[in-house]
Amino acid sequence: MTPADIEELMNMPLVDANSDVHRATESDEEQILNELYGPADPDGIYRGEGA
């Protein structure tokens, strides 16, 4: 593990862990994600398996 990895791990508690981080924030974001990766799975995650 590098010093950069250790620093990143030490700062993880400071990251904003919004539970809606995977939700679209722009009006056309969901459409673009669908075009790029196919439909989201039941959890709302675009996995790129249906494009």
N, C-alpha and C. Protein backbone atom coordinates (compact mmCIF):
# COMPACT_ATOMS: atom_id res chain seq x y z
N MET A 1 0.86 -1.17 0.00
CA MET A 1 0.00 0.00 0.00
C MET A 1 0.91 1.23 0.00
N THR A 2 0.61 2.16 -0.89
CA THR A 2 1.44 3.35 -1.01
C THR A 2 1.01 4.42 -0.01
N PRO A 3 1.87 5.41 0.25
CA PRO A 3 1.46 6.51 1.13
C PRO A 3 0.21 7.23 0.63
N ALA A 4 0.05 7.33 -0.70
CA ALA A 4 -1.16 7.96 -1.25
C ALA A 4 -2.40 7.14 -0.92
N ASP A 5 -2.29 5.81 -0.98
CA ASP A 5 -3.42 4.94 -0.61
C ASP A 5 -3.79 5.13 0.85
N ILE A 6 -2.80 5.19 1.70
CA ILE A 6 -3.04 5.37 3.14
C ILE A 6 -3.72 6.71 3.40
N GLU A 7 -3.22 7.76 2.73
CA GLU A 7 -3.84 9.09 2.91
C GLU A 7 -5.29 9.08 2.45
N GLU A 8 -5.55 8.43 1.31
CA GLU A 8 -6.93 8.35 0.81
C GLU A 8 -7.82 7.62 1.81
N LEU A 9 -7.36 6.52 2.34
CA LEU A 9 -8.15 5.77 3.32
C LEU A 9 -8.41 6.58 4.59
N MET A 10 -7.42 7.34 5.01
CA MET A 10 -7.58 8.17 6.22
C MET A 10 -8.61 9.28 6.01
N ASN A 11 -8.78 9.72 4.76
CA ASN A 11 -9.72 10.80 4.47
C ASN A 11 -11.12 10.31 4.11
N MET A 12 -11.31 9.02 3.98
CA MET A 12 -12.63 8.48 3.61
C MET A 12 -13.76 8.92 4.53
N PRO A 13 -13.56 9.03 5.84
CA PRO A 13 -14.67 9.48 6.69
C PRO A 13 -15.12 10.92 6.39
N LEU A 14 -14.30 11.67 5.68
CA LEU A 14 -14.64 13.05 5.37
C LEU A 14 -15.48 13.18 4.10
N VAL A 15 -15.61 12.10 3.34
CA VAL A 15 -16.34 12.11 2.08
C VAL A 15 -17.84 12.16 2.37
N ASP A 16 -18.53 13.00 1.61
CA ASP A 16 -19.99 13.07 1.73
C ASP A 16 -20.59 11.80 1.16
N ALA A 17 -21.13 10.96 2.00
CA ALA A 17 -21.69 9.67 1.58
C ALA A 17 -23.20 9.78 1.43
N ASN A 18 -23.63 10.56 0.45
CA ASN A 18 -25.05 10.75 0.18
C ASN A 18 -25.65 9.44 -0.32
N SER A 19 -26.72 9.01 0.29
CA SER A 19 -27.34 7.73 -0.09
C SER A 19 -27.97 7.79 -1.47
N ASP A 20 -28.20 8.97 -2.03
CA ASP A 20 -28.78 9.11 -3.37
C ASP A 20 -27.73 9.41 -4.43
N VAL A 21 -26.48 9.09 -4.16
CA VAL A 21 -25.38 9.43 -5.07
C VAL A 21 -25.58 8.82 -6.46
N HIS A 22 -26.28 7.71 -6.56
CA HIS A 22 -26.48 7.05 -7.85
C HIS A 22 -27.69 7.58 -8.61
N ARG A 23 -28.44 8.50 -8.04
CA ARG A 23 -29.63 9.05 -8.70
C ARG A 23 -29.23 10.18 -9.66
N ALA A 24 -29.99 10.32 -10.73
CA ALA A 24 -29.73 11.39 -11.70
C ALA A 24 -29.94 12.76 -11.07
N THR A 25 -29.07 13.70 -11.40
CA THR A 25 -29.18 15.07 -10.88
C THR A 25 -29.49 16.08 -11.97
N GLU A 26 -29.35 15.70 -13.22
CA GLU A 26 -29.67 16.56 -14.35
C GLU A 26 -30.89 15.99 -15.05
N SER A 27 -31.68 16.85 -15.68
CA SER A 27 -32.94 16.41 -16.28
C SER A 27 -32.74 15.34 -17.35
N ASP A 28 -31.66 15.38 -18.11
CA ASP A 28 -31.45 14.40 -19.17
C ASP A 28 -30.42 13.33 -18.81
N GLU A 29 -29.96 13.34 -17.58
CA GLU A 29 -28.90 12.41 -17.18
C GLU A 29 -29.36 10.95 -17.30
N GLU A 30 -30.56 10.66 -16.86
CA GLU A 30 -31.05 9.29 -16.93
C GLU A 30 -31.15 8.82 -18.38
N GLN A 31 -31.60 9.69 -19.28
CA GLN A 31 -31.70 9.35 -20.70
C GLN A 31 -30.32 9.06 -21.28
N ILE A 32 -29.35 9.91 -20.97
CA ILE A 32 -28.00 9.71 -21.49
C ILE A 32 -27.37 8.43 -20.94
N LEU A 33 -27.55 8.18 -19.65
CA LEU A 33 -27.02 6.94 -19.06
C LEU A 33 -27.65 5.71 -19.71
N ASN A 34 -28.96 5.78 -19.99
CA ASN A 34 -29.64 4.68 -20.67
C ASN A 34 -29.06 4.45 -22.05
N GLU A 35 -28.78 5.54 -22.79
CA GLU A 35 -28.22 5.42 -24.13
C GLU A 35 -26.81 4.83 -24.08
N LEU A 36 -26.03 5.23 -23.09
CA LEU A 36 -24.65 4.76 -22.99
C LEU A 36 -24.55 3.33 -22.45
N TYR A 37 -25.33 3.01 -21.42
CA TYR A 37 -25.13 1.77 -20.68
C TYR A 37 -26.31 0.82 -20.67
N GLY A 38 -27.43 1.21 -21.26
CA GLY A 38 -28.62 0.39 -21.19
C GLY A 38 -29.37 0.71 -19.90
N PRO A 39 -30.47 0.04 -19.65
CA PRO A 39 -31.27 0.35 -18.47
C PRO A 39 -30.56 0.02 -17.15
N ALA A 40 -30.96 0.75 -16.13
CA ALA A 40 -30.42 0.50 -14.79
C ALA A 40 -30.97 -0.81 -14.25
N ASP A 41 -30.23 -1.41 -13.33
CA ASP A 41 -30.71 -2.63 -12.69
C ASP A 41 -31.75 -2.24 -11.61
N PRO A 42 -32.36 -3.20 -10.93
CA PRO A 42 -33.40 -2.89 -9.94
C PRO A 42 -32.92 -1.96 -8.82
N ASP A 43 -31.61 -1.89 -8.60
CA ASP A 43 -31.07 -1.00 -7.57
C ASP A 43 -30.79 0.39 -8.12
N GLY A 44 -31.05 0.61 -9.42
CA GLY A 44 -30.82 1.90 -10.04
C GLY A 44 -29.39 2.13 -10.48
N ILE A 45 -28.61 1.06 -10.63
CA ILE A 45 -27.21 1.17 -11.02
C ILE A 45 -27.05 0.79 -12.48
N TYR A 46 -26.35 1.65 -13.23
CA TYR A 46 -26.08 1.39 -14.64
C TYR A 46 -24.81 0.56 -14.75
N ARG A 47 -24.95 -0.68 -15.18
CA ARG A 47 -23.81 -1.60 -15.21
C ARG A 47 -23.24 -1.82 -16.61
N GLY A 48 -23.87 -1.25 -17.63
CA GLY A 48 -23.36 -1.38 -18.98
C GLY A 48 -23.58 -2.75 -19.59
N GLU A 49 -24.53 -3.49 -19.08
CA GLU A 49 -24.76 -4.85 -19.56
C GLU A 49 -25.84 -4.92 -20.64
N GLY A 50 -26.61 -3.83 -20.82
CA GLY A 50 -27.71 -3.90 -21.77
C GLY A 50 -27.56 -2.97 -22.94
N ALA A 51 -26.40 -2.39 -23.12
CA ALA A 51 -26.21 -1.41 -24.21
C ALA A 51 -26.06 -2.11 -25.53
